[in-house]
Amino acid sequence: AASGIIRSLNAMGWHRQAPGKERELVARISTFGSTNYADS
């Protein structure tokens, strides 16, 4: 959750980083609600 002065809120996402691995995208959601996911 975001707090503060918010005039516009657009795309959002989740990423993860496992030990010894690079950060990877898990899922994203656009301003209008379209989504995409990592295959895993």
PDB file of all heavy atoms in Angstrom:
ATOM      1  N   ALA A   1       0.828  -1.200   0.000  1.00  0.00           N
ATOM      2  CA  ALA A   1       0.000   0.000   0.000  1.00  0.00           C
ATOM      3  C   ALA A   1       0.862   1.248   0.000  1.00  0.00           C
ATOM      4  O   ALA A   1       1.878   1.320   0.715  1.00  0.00           O
ATOM      5  CB  ALA A   1      -0.909   0.005   1.222  1.00  0.00           C
ATOM      6  N   ALA A   2       0.446   2.210  -0.797  1.00  0.00           N
ATOM      7  CA  ALA A   2       1.177   3.472  -0.890  1.00  0.00           C
ATOM      8  C   ALA A   2       0.469   4.557  -0.104  1.00  0.00           C
ATOM      9  O   ALA A   2      -0.756   4.594  -0.034  1.00  0.00           O
ATOM     10  CB  ALA A   2       1.294   3.896  -2.347  1.00  0.00           C
ATOM     11  N   SER A   3       1.266   5.442   0.480  1.00  0.00           N
ATOM     12  CA  SER A   3       0.706   6.591   1.183  1.00  0.00           C
ATOM     13  C   SER A   3       1.508   7.828   0.810  1.00  0.00           C
ATOM     14  O   SER A   3       2.653   7.731   0.372  1.00  0.00           O
ATOM     15  CB  SER A   3       0.751   6.378   2.698  1.00  0.00           C
ATOM     16  OG  SER A   3       2.080   6.227   3.144  1.00  0.00           O
ATOM     17  N   GLY A   4       0.882   8.979   0.999  1.00  0.00           N
ATOM     18  CA  GLY A   4       1.538  10.234   0.639  1.00  0.00           C
ATOM     19  C   GLY A   4       0.697  10.986  -0.374  1.00  0.00           C
ATOM     20  O   GLY A   4      -0.491  10.748  -0.516  1.00  0.00           O
ATOM     21  N   ILE A   5       1.345  11.885  -1.078  1.00  0.00           N
ATOM     22  CA  ILE A   5       0.644  12.687  -2.086  1.00  0.00           C
ATOM     23  C   ILE A   5       0.640  11.906  -3.388  1.00  0.00           C
ATOM     24  O   ILE A   5       1.666  11.767  -4.055  1.00  0.00           O
ATOM     25  CB  ILE A   5       1.322  14.051  -2.266  1.00  0.00           C
ATOM     26  CG1 ILE A   5       1.311  14.817  -0.938  1.00  0.00           C
ATOM     27  CG2 ILE A   5       0.619  14.849  -3.366  1.00  0.00           C
ATOM     28  CD1 ILE A   5       2.066  16.129  -0.978  1.00  0.00           C
ATOM     29  N   ILE A   6      -0.525  11.390  -3.746  1.00  0.00           N
ATOM     30  CA  ILE A   6      -0.658  10.527  -4.922  1.00  0.00           C
ATOM     31  C   ILE A   6      -1.622  11.176  -5.886  1.00  0.00           C
ATOM     32  O   ILE A   6      -2.813  11.248  -5.636  1.00  0.00           O
ATOM     33  CB  ILE A   6      -1.126   9.117  -4.515  1.00  0.00           C
ATOM     34  CG1 ILE A   6      -0.091   8.483  -3.584  1.00  0.00           C
ATOM     35  CG2 ILE A   6      -1.371   8.261  -5.748  1.00  0.00           C
ATOM     36  CD1 ILE A   6      -0.534   7.185  -2.958  1.00  0.00           C
ATOM     37  N   ARG A   7      -1.076  11.643  -7.003  1.00  0.00           N
ATOM     38  CA  ARG A   7      -1.911  12.274  -8.019  1.00  0.00           C
ATOM     39  C   ARG A   7      -2.257  11.310  -9.141  1.00  0.00           C
ATOM     40  O   ARG A   7      -3.299  11.430  -9.780  1.00  0.00           O
ATOM     41  CB  ARG A   7      -1.206  13.512  -8.574  1.00  0.00           C
ATOM     42  CG  ARG A   7      -1.067  14.658  -7.573  1.00  0.00           C
ATOM     43  CD  ARG A   7      -0.339  15.844  -8.193  1.00  0.00           C
ATOM     44  NE  ARG A   7       1.066  15.549  -8.422  1.00  0.00           N
ATOM     45  CZ  ARG A   7       2.029  15.729  -7.519  1.00  0.00           C
ATOM     46  NH1 ARG A   7       1.729  16.187  -6.320  1.00  0.00           N
ATOM     47  NH2 ARG A   7       3.274  15.450  -7.809  1.00  0.00           N
ATOM     48  N   SER A   8      -1.350  10.370  -9.388  1.00  0.00           N
ATOM     49  CA  SER A   8      -1.618   9.371 -10.417  1.00  0.00           C
ATOM     50  C   SER A   8      -1.011   8.045  -9.978  1.00  0.00           C
ATOM     51  O   SER A   8       0.059   7.999  -9.368  1.00  0.00           O
ATOM     52  CB  SER A   8      -1.031   9.805 -11.757  1.00  0.00           C
ATOM     53  OG  SER A   8       0.379   9.873 -11.699  1.00  0.00           O
ATOM     54  N   LEU A   9      -1.731   6.980 -10.272  1.00  0.00           N
ATOM     55  CA  LEU A   9      -1.302   5.632  -9.890  1.00  0.00           C
ATOM     56  C   LEU A   9      -1.437   4.758 -11.117  1.00  0.00           C
ATOM     57  O   LEU A   9      -2.541   4.514 -11.582  1.00  0.00           O
ATOM     58  CB  LEU A   9      -2.180   5.127  -8.743  1.00  0.00           C
ATOM     59  CG  LEU A   9      -1.832   3.780  -8.126  1.00  0.00           C
ATOM     60  CD1 LEU A   9      -0.432   3.789  -7.537  1.00  0.00           C
ATOM     61  CD2 LEU A   9      -2.857   3.424  -7.059  1.00  0.00           C
ATOM     62  N   ASN A  10      -0.332   4.299 -11.644  1.00  0.00           N
ATOM     63  CA  ASN A  10      -0.364   3.581 -12.907  1.00  0.00           C
ATOM     64  C   ASN A  10      -0.005   2.103 -12.718  1.00  0.00           C
ATOM     65  O   ASN A  10      -0.568   1.442 -11.861  1.00  0.00           O
ATOM     66  CB  ASN A  10       0.512   4.303 -13.919  1.00  0.00           C
ATOM     67  CG  ASN A  10       0.017   5.723 -14.168  1.00  0.00           C
ATOM     68  OD1 ASN A  10       0.676   6.701 -13.858  1.00  0.00           O
ATOM     69  ND2 ASN A  10      -1.194   5.835 -14.694  1.00  0.00           N
ATOM     70  N   ALA A  11       0.931   1.602 -13.498  1.00  0.00           N
ATOM     71  CA  ALA A  11       1.233   0.170 -13.445  1.00  0.00           C
ATOM     72  C   ALA A  11       1.820  -0.210 -12.091  1.00  0.00           C
ATOM     73  O   ALA A  11       2.481   0.587 -11.416  1.00  0.00           O
ATOM     74  CB  ALA A  11       2.198  -0.212 -14.554  1.00  0.00           C
ATOM     75  N   MET A  12       1.548  -1.457 -11.722  1.00  0.00           N
ATOM     76  CA  MET A  12       2.055  -2.004 -10.463  1.00  0.00           C
ATOM     77  C   MET A  12       2.599  -3.399 -10.722  1.00  0.00           C
ATOM     78  O   MET A  12       2.151  -4.076 -11.659  1.00  0.00           O
ATOM     79  CB  MET A  12       0.928  -2.111  -9.430  1.00  0.00           C
ATOM     80  CG  MET A  12       0.172  -0.832  -9.165  1.00  0.00           C
ATOM     81  SD  MET A  12      -1.189  -1.197  -8.028  1.00  0.00           S
ATOM     82  CE  MET A  12      -1.899   0.421  -7.836  1.00  0.00           C
ATOM     83  N   GLY A  13       3.490  -3.834  -9.874  1.00  0.00           N
ATOM     84  CA  GLY A  13       4.036  -5.165 -10.079  1.00  0.00           C
ATOM     85  C   GLY A  13       4.614  -5.771  -8.824  1.00  0.00           C
ATOM     86  O   GLY A  13       4.789  -5.089  -7.805  1.00  0.00           O
ATOM     87  N   TRP A  14       4.858  -7.062  -8.932  1.00  0.00           N
ATOM     88  CA  TRP A  14       5.571  -7.801  -7.890  1.00  0.00           C
ATOM     89  C   TRP A  14       6.769  -8.501  -8.524  1.00  0.00           C
ATOM     90  O   TRP A  14       6.660  -9.071  -9.621  1.00  0.00           O
ATOM     91  CB  TRP A  14       4.665  -8.840  -7.229  1.00  0.00           C
ATOM     92  CG  TRP A  14       3.659  -8.270  -6.298  1.00  0.00           C
ATOM     93  CD1 TRP A  14       2.363  -7.950  -6.586  1.00  0.00           C
ATOM     94  CD2 TRP A  14       3.856  -7.925  -4.932  1.00  0.00           C
ATOM     95  NE1 TRP A  14       1.753  -7.434  -5.479  1.00  0.00           N
ATOM     96  CE2 TRP A  14       2.644  -7.410  -4.443  1.00  0.00           C
ATOM     97  CE3 TRP A  14       4.945  -8.013  -4.054  1.00  0.00           C
ATOM     98  CZ2 TRP A  14       2.490  -6.980  -3.120  1.00  0.00           C
ATOM     99  CZ3 TRP A  14       4.790  -7.586  -2.737  1.00  0.00           C
ATOM    100  CH2 TRP A  14       3.573  -7.080  -2.292  1.00  0.00           C
ATOM    101  N   HIS A  15       7.867  -8.484  -7.810  1.00  0.00           N
ATOM    102  CA  HIS A  15       9.093  -9.139  -8.236  1.00  0.00           C
ATOM    103  C   HIS A  15       9.575  -9.992  -7.069  1.00  0.00           C
ATOM    104  O   HIS A  15       9.120  -9.807  -5.939  1.00  0.00           O
ATOM    105  CB  HIS A  15      10.162  -8.114  -8.596  1.00  0.00           C
ATOM    106  CG  HIS A  15       9.701  -7.086  -9.570  1.00  0.00           C
ATOM    107  ND1 HIS A  15      10.128  -7.048 -10.877  1.00  0.00           N
ATOM    108  CD2 HIS A  15       8.825  -6.049  -9.440  1.00  0.00           C
ATOM    109  CE1 HIS A  15       9.549  -6.034 -11.495  1.00  0.00           C
ATOM    110  NE2 HIS A  15       8.750  -5.409 -10.646  1.00  0.00           N
ATOM    111  N   ARG A  16      10.505 -10.892  -7.347  1.00  0.00           N
ATOM    112  CA  ARG A  16      11.075 -11.666  -6.254  1.00  0.00           C
ATOM    113  C   ARG A  16      12.544 -11.960  -6.533  1.00  0.00           C
ATOM    114  O   ARG A  16      12.980 -11.982  -7.692  1.00  0.00           O
ATOM    115  CB  ARG A  16      10.303 -12.982  -6.048  1.00  0.00           C
ATOM    116  CG  ARG A  16      10.425 -13.977  -7.180  1.00  0.00           C
ATOM    117  CD  ARG A  16       9.506 -15.166  -6.922  1.00  0.00           C
ATOM    118  NE  ARG A  16       9.600 -16.160  -7.995  1.00  0.00           N
ATOM    119  CZ  ARG A  16       8.802 -17.222  -8.095  1.00  0.00           C
ATOM    120  NH1 ARG A  16       7.861 -17.433  -7.175  1.00  0.00           N
ATOM    121  NH2 ARG A  16       8.948 -18.078  -9.080  1.00  0.00           N
ATOM    122  N   GLN A  17      13.246 -12.185  -5.436  1.00  0.00           N
ATOM    123  CA  GLN A  17      14.656 -12.541  -5.534  1.00  0.00           C
ATOM    124  C   GLN A  17      14.946 -13.654  -4.550  1.00  0.00           C
ATOM    125  O   GLN A  17      14.836 -13.473  -3.336  1.00  0.00           O
ATOM    126  CB  GLN A  17      15.549 -11.328  -5.254  1.00  0.00           C
ATOM    127  CG  GLN A  17      17.011 -11.591  -5.513  1.00  0.00           C
ATOM    128  CD  GLN A  17      17.839 -10.324  -5.569  1.00  0.00           C
ATOM    129  OE1 GLN A  17      17.421  -9.266  -5.103  1.00  0.00           O
ATOM    130  NE2 GLN A  17      19.013 -10.402  -6.155  1.00  0.00           N
ATOM    131  N   ALA A  18      15.293 -14.793  -5.111  1.00  0.00           N
ATOM    132  CA  ALA A  18      15.657 -15.950  -4.293  1.00  0.00           C
ATOM    133  C   ALA A  18      17.145 -15.890  -3.970  1.00  0.00           C
ATOM    134  O   ALA A  18      17.912 -15.241  -4.688  1.00  0.00           O
ATOM    135  CB  ALA A  18      15.321 -17.230  -5.036  1.00  0.00           C
ATOM    136  N   PRO A  19      17.579 -16.567  -2.917  1.00  0.00           N
ATOM    137  CA  PRO A  19      18.997 -16.555  -2.561  1.00  0.00           C
ATOM    138  C   PRO A  19      19.873 -17.007  -3.716  1.00  0.00           C
ATOM    139  O   PRO A  19      19.627 -18.051  -4.328  1.00  0.00           O
ATOM    140  CB  PRO A  19      19.059 -17.547  -1.391  1.00  0.00           C
ATOM    141  CG  PRO A  19      17.696 -17.533  -0.808  1.00  0.00           C
ATOM    142  CD  PRO A  19      16.764 -17.337  -1.955  1.00  0.00           C
ATOM    143  N   GLY A  20      20.874 -16.208  -4.032  1.00  0.00           N
ATOM    144  CA  GLY A  20      21.807 -16.559  -5.089  1.00  0.00           C
ATOM    145  C   GLY A  20      21.293 -16.365  -6.499  1.00  0.00           C
ATOM    146  O   GLY A  20      21.975 -16.737  -7.467  1.00  0.00           O
ATOM    147  N   LYS A  21      20.107 -15.787  -6.628  1.00  0.00           N
ATOM    148  CA  LYS A  21      19.529 -15.595  -7.959  1.00  0.00           C
ATOM    149  C   LYS A  21      19.236 -14.125  -8.207  1.00  0.00           C
ATOM    150  O   LYS A  21      19.181 -13.315  -7.281  1.00  0.00           O
ATOM    151  CB  LYS A  21      18.249 -16.422  -8.101  1.00  0.00           C
ATOM    152  CG  LYS A  21      18.469 -17.920  -8.045  1.00  0.00           C
ATOM    153  CD  LYS A  21      17.184 -18.668  -8.383  1.00  0.00           C
ATOM    154  CE  LYS A  21      17.420 -20.168  -8.410  1.00  0.00           C
ATOM    155  NZ  LYS A  21      16.180 -20.904  -8.764  1.00  0.00           N
ATOM    156  N   GLU A  22      19.033 -13.804  -9.477  1.00  0.00           N
ATOM    157  CA  GLU A  22      18.692 -12.429  -9.838  1.00  0.00           C
ATOM    158  C   GLU A  22      17.212 -12.159  -9.557  1.00  0.00           C
ATOM    159  O   GLU A  22      16.389 -13.078  -9.525  1.00  0.00           O
ATOM    160  CB  GLU A  22      18.989 -12.191 -11.320  1.00  0.00           C
ATOM    161  CG  GLU A  22      20.469 -12.248 -11.661  1.00  0.00           C
ATOM    162  CD  GLU A  22      20.736 -11.848 -13.099  1.00  0.00           C
ATOM    163  OE1 GLU A  22      19.771 -11.665 -13.865  1.00  0.00           O
ATOM    164  OE2 GLU A  22      21.922 -11.725 -13.466  1.00  0.00           O
ATOM    165  N   ARG A  23      16.906 -10.885  -9.367  1.00  0.00           N
ATOM    166  CA  ARG A  23      15.513 -10.499  -9.178  1.00  0.00           C
ATOM    167  C   ARG A  23      14.745 -10.762 -10.471  1.00  0.00           C
ATOM    168  O   ARG A  23      15.241 -10.496 -11.568  1.00  0.00           O
ATOM    169  CB  ARG A  23      15.425  -9.020  -8.800  1.00  0.00           C
ATOM    170  CG  ARG A  23      14.048  -8.570  -8.364  1.00  0.00           C
ATOM    171  CD  ARG A  23      14.052  -7.132  -7.873  1.00  0.00           C
ATOM    172  NE  ARG A  23      14.910  -6.968  -6.699  1.00  0.00           N
ATOM    173  CZ  ARG A  23      14.949  -5.852  -5.988  1.00  0.00           C
ATOM    174  NH1 ARG A  23      14.200  -4.805  -6.335  1.00  0.00           N
ATOM    175  NH2 ARG A  23      15.739  -5.752  -4.938  1.00  0.00           N
ATOM    176  N   GLU A  24      13.529 -11.279 -10.329  1.00  0.00           N
ATOM    177  CA  GLU A  24      12.713 -11.586 -11.497  1.00  0.00           C
ATOM    178  C   GLU A  24      11.307 -11.030 -11.326  1.00  0.00           C
ATOM    179  O   GLU A  24      10.790 -10.919 -10.206  1.00  0.00           O
ATOM    180  CB  GLU A  24      12.632 -13.098 -11.732  1.00  0.00           C
ATOM    181  CG  GLU A  24      11.967 -13.868 -10.614  1.00  0.00           C
ATOM    182  CD  GLU A  24      11.778 -15.345 -10.934  1.00  0.00           C
ATOM    183  OE1 GLU A  24      12.024 -15.759 -12.084  1.00  0.00           O
ATOM    184  OE2 GLU A  24      11.358 -16.086 -10.033  1.00  0.00           O
ATOM    185  N   LEU A  25      10.688 -10.719 -12.447  1.00  0.00           N
ATOM    186  CA  LEU A  25       9.310 -10.261 -12.435  1.00  0.00           C
ATOM    187  C   LEU A  25       8.385 -11.440 -12.150  1.00  0.00           C
ATOM    188  O   LEU A  25       8.514 -12.494 -12.767  1.00  0.00           O
ATOM    189  CB  LEU A  25       8.948  -9.633 -13.780  1.00  0.00           C
ATOM    190  CG  LEU A  25       7.493  -9.251 -13.969  1.00  0.00           C
ATOM    191  CD1 LEU A  25       7.114  -8.091 -13.050  1.00  0.00           C
ATOM    192  CD2 LEU A  25       7.213  -8.882 -15.422  1.00  0.00           C
ATOM    193  N   VAL A  26       7.454 -11.245 -11.240  1.00  0.00           N
ATOM    194  CA  VAL A  26       6.455 -12.271 -10.930  1.00  0.00           C
ATOM    195  C   VAL A  26       5.140 -11.970 -11.648  1.00  0.00           C
ATOM    196  O   VAL A  26       4.565 -12.825 -12.308  1.00  0.00           O
ATOM    197  CB  VAL A  26       6.215 -12.355  -9.409  1.00  0.00           C
ATOM    198  CG1 VAL A  26       5.088 -13.336  -9.096  1.00  0.00           C
ATOM    199  CG2 VAL A  26       7.488 -12.752  -8.682  1.00  0.00           C
ATOM    200  N   ALA A  27       4.687 -10.743 -11.503  1.00  0.00           N
ATOM    201  CA  ALA A  27       3.403 -10.362 -12.110  1.00  0.00           C
ATOM    202  C   ALA A  27       3.320  -8.855 -12.210  1.00  0.00           C
ATOM    203  O   ALA A  27       3.915  -8.134 -11.397  1.00  0.00           O
ATOM    204  CB  ALA A  27       2.230 -10.896 -11.278  1.00  0.00           C
ATOM    205  N   ARG A  28       2.566  -8.394 -13.201  1.00  0.00           N
ATOM    206  CA  ARG A  28       2.327  -6.960 -13.369  1.00  0.00           C
ATOM    207  C   ARG A  28       0.864  -6.741 -13.693  1.00  0.00           C
ATOM    208  O   ARG A  28       0.187  -7.604 -14.269  1.00  0.00           O
ATOM    209  CB  ARG A  28       3.192  -6.373 -14.486  1.00  0.00           C
ATOM    210  CG  ARG A  28       4.645  -6.289 -14.168  1.00  0.00           C
ATOM    211  CD  ARG A  28       5.383  -5.298 -15.050  1.00  0.00           C
ATOM    212  NE  ARG A  28       4.985  -3.922 -14.828  1.00  0.00           N
ATOM    213  CZ  ARG A  28       5.399  -3.195 -13.788  1.00  0.00           C
ATOM    214  NH1 ARG A  28       6.190  -3.716 -12.874  1.00  0.00           N
ATOM    215  NH2 ARG A  28       5.019  -1.932 -13.657  1.00  0.00           N
ATOM    216  N   ILE A  29       0.382  -5.563 -13.316  1.00  0.00           N
ATOM    217  CA  ILE A  29      -0.985  -5.174 -13.645  1.00  0.00           C
ATOM    218  C   ILE A  29      -0.945  -3.731 -14.135  1.00  0.00           C
ATOM    219  O   ILE A  29      -0.331  -2.862 -13.506  1.00  0.00           O
ATOM    220  CB  ILE A  29      -1.934  -5.353 -12.442  1.00  0.00           C
ATOM    221  CG1 ILE A  29      -3.375  -5.047 -12.838  1.00  0.00           C
ATOM    222  CG2 ILE A  29      -1.496  -4.530 -11.238  1.00  0.00           C
ATOM    223  CD1 ILE A  29      -4.407  -5.537 -11.826  1.00  0.00           C
ATOM    224  N   SER A  30      -1.588  -3.488 -15.252  1.00  0.00           N
ATOM    225  CA  SER A  30      -1.542  -2.163 -15.863  1.00  0.00           C
ATOM    226  C   SER A  30      -2.542  -1.224 -15.198  1.00  0.00           C
ATOM    227  O   SER A  30      -3.329  -1.626 -14.333  1.00  0.00           O
ATOM    228  CB  SER A  30      -1.848  -2.265 -17.353  1.00  0.00           C
ATOM    229  OG  SER A  30      -3.245  -2.508 -17.541  1.00  0.00           O
ATOM    230  N   THR A  31      -2.500   0.002 -15.636  1.00  0.00           N
ATOM    231  CA  THR A  31      -3.434   1.006 -15.136  1.00  0.00           C
ATOM    232  C   THR A  31      -4.880   0.566 -15.313  1.00  0.00           C
ATOM    233  O   THR A  31      -5.736   0.822 -14.455  1.00  0.00           O
ATOM    234  CB  THR A  31      -3.215   2.334 -15.868  1.00  0.00           C
ATOM    235  OG1 THR A  31      -1.850   2.721 -15.773  1.00  0.00           O
ATOM    236  CG2 THR A  31      -4.107   3.429 -15.296  1.00  0.00           C
ATOM    237  N   PHE A  32      -5.141  -0.127 -16.416  1.00  0.00           N
ATOM    238  CA  PHE A  32      -6.516  -0.510 -16.736  1.00  0.00           C
ATOM    239  C   PHE A  32      -6.843  -1.946 -16.343  1.00  0.00           C
ATOM    240  O   PHE A  32      -7.916  -2.437 -16.673  1.00  0.00           O
ATOM    241  CB  PHE A  32      -6.778  -0.272 -18.220  1.00  0.00           C
ATOM    242  CG  PHE A  32      -6.529   1.144 -18.630  1.00  0.00           C
ATOM    243  CD1 PHE A  32      -5.385   1.492 -19.338  1.00  0.00           C
ATOM    244  CD2 PHE A  32      -7.410   2.148 -18.265  1.00  0.00           C
ATOM    245  CE1 PHE A  32      -5.141   2.808 -19.699  1.00  0.00           C
ATOM    246  CE2 PHE A  32      -7.184   3.469 -18.618  1.00  0.00           C
ATOM    247  CZ  PHE A  32      -6.042   3.799 -19.330  1.00  0.00           C
ATOM    248  N   GLY A  33      -5.891  -2.612 -15.662  1.00  0.00           N
ATOM    249  CA  GLY A  33      -6.208  -3.916 -15.109  1.00  0.00           C
ATOM    250  C   GLY A  33      -5.734  -5.117 -15.894  1.00  0.00           C
ATOM    251  O   GLY A  33      -5.974  -6.254 -15.470  1.00  0.00           O
ATOM    252  N   SER A  34      -5.072  -4.903 -17.005  1.00  0.00           N
ATOM    253  CA  SER A  34      -4.557  -6.073 -17.720  1.00  0.00           C
ATOM    254  C   SER A  34      -3.338  -6.615 -16.971  1.00  0.00           C
ATOM    255  O   SER A  34      -2.572  -5.847 -16.386  1.00  0.00           O
ATOM    256  CB  SER A  34      -4.200  -5.721 -19.157  1.00  0.00           C
ATOM    257  OG  SER A  34      -3.199  -4.735 -19.188  1.00  0.00           O
ATOM    258  N   THR A  35      -3.195  -7.927 -17.006  1.00  0.00           N
ATOM    259  CA  THR A  35      -2.166  -8.575 -16.190  1.00  0.00           C
ATOM    260  C   THR A  35      -1.249  -9.453 -17.028  1.00  0.00           C
ATOM    261  O   THR A  35      -1.618  -9.917 -18.106  1.00  0.00           O
ATOM    262  CB  THR A  35      -2.815  -9.454 -15.103  1.00  0.00           C
ATOM    263  OG1 THR A  35      -3.653 -10.434 -15.735  1.00  0.00           O
ATOM    264  CG2 THR A  35      -3.662  -8.621 -14.157  1.00  0.00           C
ATOM    265  N   ASN A  36      -0.057  -9.660 -16.527  1.00  0.00           N
ATOM    266  CA  ASN A  36       0.816 -10.674 -17.091  1.00  0.00           C
ATOM    267  C   ASN A  36       1.624 -11.303 -15.962  1.00  0.00           C
ATOM    268  O   ASN A  36       1.870 -10.669 -14.934  1.00  0.00           O
ATOM    269  CB  ASN A  36       1.717 -10.124 -18.195  1.00  0.00           C
ATOM    270  CG  ASN A  36       2.666  -9.052 -17.717  1.00  0.00           C
ATOM    271  OD1 ASN A  36       2.263  -7.923 -17.516  1.00  0.00           O
ATOM    272  ND2 ASN A  36       3.922  -9.408 -17.510  1.00  0.00           N
ATOM    273  N   TYR A  37       1.989 -12.559 -16.167  1.00  0.00           N
ATOM    274  CA  TYR A  37       2.628 -13.361 -15.128  1.00  0.00           C
ATOM    275  C   TYR A  37       3.853 -14.082 -15.671  1.00  0.00           C
ATOM    276  O   TYR A  37       3.920 -14.435 -16.851  1.00  0.00           O
ATOM    277  CB  TYR A  37       1.645 -14.422 -14.610  1.00  0.00           C
ATOM    278  CG  TYR A  37       0.416 -13.871 -13.952  1.00  0.00           C
ATOM    279  CD1 TYR A  37      -0.738 -13.600 -14.678  1.00  0.00           C
ATOM    280  CD2 TYR A  37       0.398 -13.606 -12.578  1.00  0.00           C
ATOM    281  CE1 TYR A  37      -1.870 -13.083 -14.073  1.00  0.00           C
ATOM    282  CE2 TYR A  37      -0.734 -13.096 -11.961  1.00  0.00           C
ATOM    283  CZ  TYR A  37      -1.860 -12.838 -12.717  1.00  0.00           C
ATOM    284  OH  TYR A  37      -2.984 -12.333 -12.109  1.00  0.00           O
ATOM    285  N   ALA A  38       4.777 -14.353 -14.777  1.00  0.00           N
ATOM    286  CA  ALA A  38       5.871 -15.251 -15.115  1.00  0.00           C
ATOM    287  C   ALA A  38       5.291 -16.637 -15.335  1.00  0.00           C
ATOM    288  O   ALA A  38       4.328 -17.041 -14.674  1.00  0.00           O
ATOM    289  CB  ALA A  38       6.893 -15.279 -13.982  1.00  0.00           C
ATOM    290  N   ASP A  39       5.878 -17.377 -16.265  1.00  0.00           N
ATOM    291  CA  ASP A  39       5.372 -18.722 -16.558  1.00  0.00           C
ATOM    292  C   ASP A  39       5.341 -19.604 -15.318  1.00  0.00           C
ATOM    293  O   ASP A  39       4.447 -20.445 -15.163  1.00  0.00           O
ATOM    294  CB  ASP A  39       6.236 -19.376 -17.640  1.00  0.00           C
ATOM    295  CG  ASP A  39       6.011 -18.758 -19.013  1.00  0.00           C
ATOM    296  OD1 ASP A  39       4.983 -18.076 -19.204  1.00  0.00           O
ATOM    297  OD2 ASP A  39       6.870 -18.957 -19.884  1.00  0.00           O
ATOM    298  N   SER A  40       6.296 -19.404 -14.446  1.00  0.00           N
ATOM    299  CA  SER A  40       6.426 -20.270 -13.266  1.00  0.00           C
ATOM    300  C   SER A  40       5.290 -20.093 -12.254  1.00  0.00           C
ATOM    301  O   SER A  40       5.107 -20.951 -11.393  1.00  0.00           O
ATOM    302  CB  SER A  40       7.771 -20.006 -12.573  1.00  0.00           C
ATOM    303  OG  SER A  40       7.870 -18.651 -12.177  1.00  0.00           O
TER     304      SER A  40
END
